[in-house]
Amino acid sequence: MLNLRPPPPRQVLLRLPDDVAIKLARVVPPRQRNRYIVDLLTHDLASKEKALGKMLAEAAQRLNEIEAQYPELALETDEWVSAVLTDEEDDGFDPVAFEKQLALAQAAMTKQAGK
């Protein structure tokens, strides 16, 4: 049986400059500081991911324009996309063995968490 519970939050140590720590303590109540920092990081990281996504979309659009201008590049891209990189018949992956090992690992983690 798979454990579908999300992992517990990861605790990290942050070192703040004294002036920032003092301002944080002055502005944010004690029991709300963790949530405040999590919210700030979540918002900032989402903004960065959105900016990266936009940059990648613009790069893809530019590549499409270049390939339209130089059809030989589009043919090369098509070759890369359709290339077979591994032999699908014998890639060394055994799904039955994987499932067994996964079940054993999950059981060990559950047992260790119960200690």
Protein backbone atom coordinates (compact mmCIF):
# COMPACT_ATOMS: atom_id res chain seq x y z
CA MET A 1 0.00 0.00 0.00
CA LEU A 2 1.35 3.39 -0.96
CA ASN A 3 1.71 6.16 1.58
CA LEU A 4 -0.15 9.09 0.03
CA ARG A 5 0.29 11.49 2.93
CA PRO A 6 2.37 14.53 2.10
CA PRO A 7 5.75 14.63 3.80
CA PRO A 8 5.97 16.79 6.92
CA PRO A 9 7.25 20.33 6.42
CA ARG A 10 11.01 20.60 6.31
CA GLN A 11 12.56 22.67 9.04
CA VAL A 12 15.33 25.02 7.92
CA LEU A 13 17.58 27.40 9.77
CA LEU A 14 17.59 30.97 8.49
CA ARG A 15 20.17 33.49 9.56
CA LEU A 16 18.83 37.02 9.44
CA PRO A 17 20.84 40.19 9.86
CA ASP A 18 20.09 41.78 13.23
CA ASP A 19 18.29 44.77 11.76
CA VAL A 20 16.00 42.51 9.68
CA ALA A 21 15.29 40.23 12.67
CA ILE A 22 14.43 43.24 14.83
CA LYS A 23 12.06 44.65 12.19
CA LEU A 24 10.44 41.23 11.75
CA ALA A 25 9.92 40.91 15.51
CA ARG A 26 8.53 44.43 15.67
CA VAL A 27 6.08 44.08 12.77
CA VAL A 28 4.97 40.41 12.82
CA PRO A 29 3.50 38.83 15.97
CA PRO A 30 5.49 35.87 17.40
CA ARG A 31 3.15 33.05 16.37
CA GLN A 32 2.74 34.43 12.84
CA ARG A 33 6.41 34.83 11.79
CA ASN A 34 6.79 31.39 10.25
CA ARG A 35 3.63 31.83 8.15
CA TYR A 36 4.76 35.33 7.17
CA ILE A 37 8.12 34.07 5.88
CA VAL A 38 6.50 31.07 4.14
CA ASP A 39 4.03 33.40 2.41
CA LEU A 40 6.82 35.76 1.31
CA LEU A 41 8.90 32.91 -0.08
CA THR A 42 5.91 31.27 -1.78
CA HIS A 43 4.98 34.52 -3.51
CA ASP A 44 8.55 35.34 -4.52
CA LEU A 45 9.26 31.84 -5.83
CA ALA A 46 5.98 31.80 -7.77
CA SER A 47 6.96 35.12 -9.38
CA LYS A 48 10.36 33.74 -10.32
CA GLU A 49 8.81 30.55 -11.77
CA LYS A 50 6.35 32.64 -13.76
CA ALA A 51 9.17 34.83 -15.10
CA LEU A 52 11.19 31.74 -16.05
CA GLY A 53 8.16 30.22 -17.79
CA LYS A 54 7.66 33.43 -19.74
CA MET A 55 11.34 33.52 -20.70
CA LEU A 56 11.22 29.87 -21.87
CA ALA A 57 8.02 30.52 -23.87
CA GLU A 58 9.67 33.52 -25.54
CA ALA A 59 12.77 31.43 -26.32
CA ALA A 60 10.58 28.68 -27.83
CA GLN A 61 8.73 31.27 -29.91
CA ARG A 62 12.03 32.71 -31.13
CA LEU A 63 13.27 29.22 -32.00
CA ASN A 64 10.07 28.61 -33.98
CA GLU A 65 10.70 31.84 -35.88
CA ILE A 66 14.30 30.84 -36.62
CA GLU A 67 13.22 27.37 -37.78
CA ALA A 68 10.59 28.95 -40.03
CA GLN A 69 13.31 31.12 -41.53
CA TYR A 70 15.79 28.21 -41.87
CA PRO A 71 13.86 24.98 -42.63
CA GLU A 72 17.02 22.85 -42.43
CA LEU A 73 17.13 23.56 -38.67
CA ALA A 74 13.55 22.35 -38.29
CA LEU A 75 14.51 19.09 -40.02
CA GLU A 76 17.40 18.63 -37.59
CA THR A 77 15.07 19.26 -34.66
CA ASP A 78 12.62 16.69 -36.02
CA GLU A 79 15.45 14.15 -36.22
CA TRP A 80 16.32 14.76 -32.56
CA VAL A 81 12.70 14.54 -31.44
CA SER A 82 12.04 11.29 -33.28
CA ALA A 83 15.38 9.66 -32.38
CA VAL A 84 15.31 6.43 -30.38
CA LEU A 85 17.84 6.87 -27.60
CA THR A 86 17.47 3.50 -25.92
CA ASP A 87 16.32 0.05 -26.85
CA GLU A 88 12.85 -0.06 -25.33
CA GLU A 89 12.90 -3.86 -25.42
CA ASP A 90 15.82 -4.13 -22.98
CA ASP A 91 16.27 -0.97 -20.99
CA GLY A 92 17.21 -2.88 -17.83
CA PHE A 93 14.11 -1.77 -15.94
CA ASP A 94 12.20 -4.55 -14.18
CA PRO A 95 8.83 -3.17 -13.04
CA VAL A 96 8.07 -6.19 -10.83
CA ALA A 97 11.40 -5.91 -8.99
CA PHE A 98 10.89 -2.16 -8.69
CA GLU A 99 7.46 -2.58 -7.09
CA LYS A 100 8.88 -5.11 -4.60
CA GLN A 101 11.78 -2.83 -3.67
CA LEU A 102 9.43 0.14 -3.35
CA ALA A 103 7.12 -1.81 -1.02
CA LEU A 104 10.08 -2.88 1.14
CA ALA A 105 11.41 0.69 1.32
CA GLN A 106 7.99 2.09 2.26
CA ALA A 107 7.56 -0.59 4.94
CA ALA A 108 10.96 0.27 6.39
CA MET A 109 10.11 3.99 6.41
CA THR A 110 6.76 3.31 8.10
CA LYS A 111 8.44 1.12 10.69
CA GLN A 112 11.10 3.74 11.38
CA ALA A 113 8.50 6.51 11.65
CA GLY A 114 6.61 4.45 14.23
CA LYS A 115 9.63 4.24 16.56
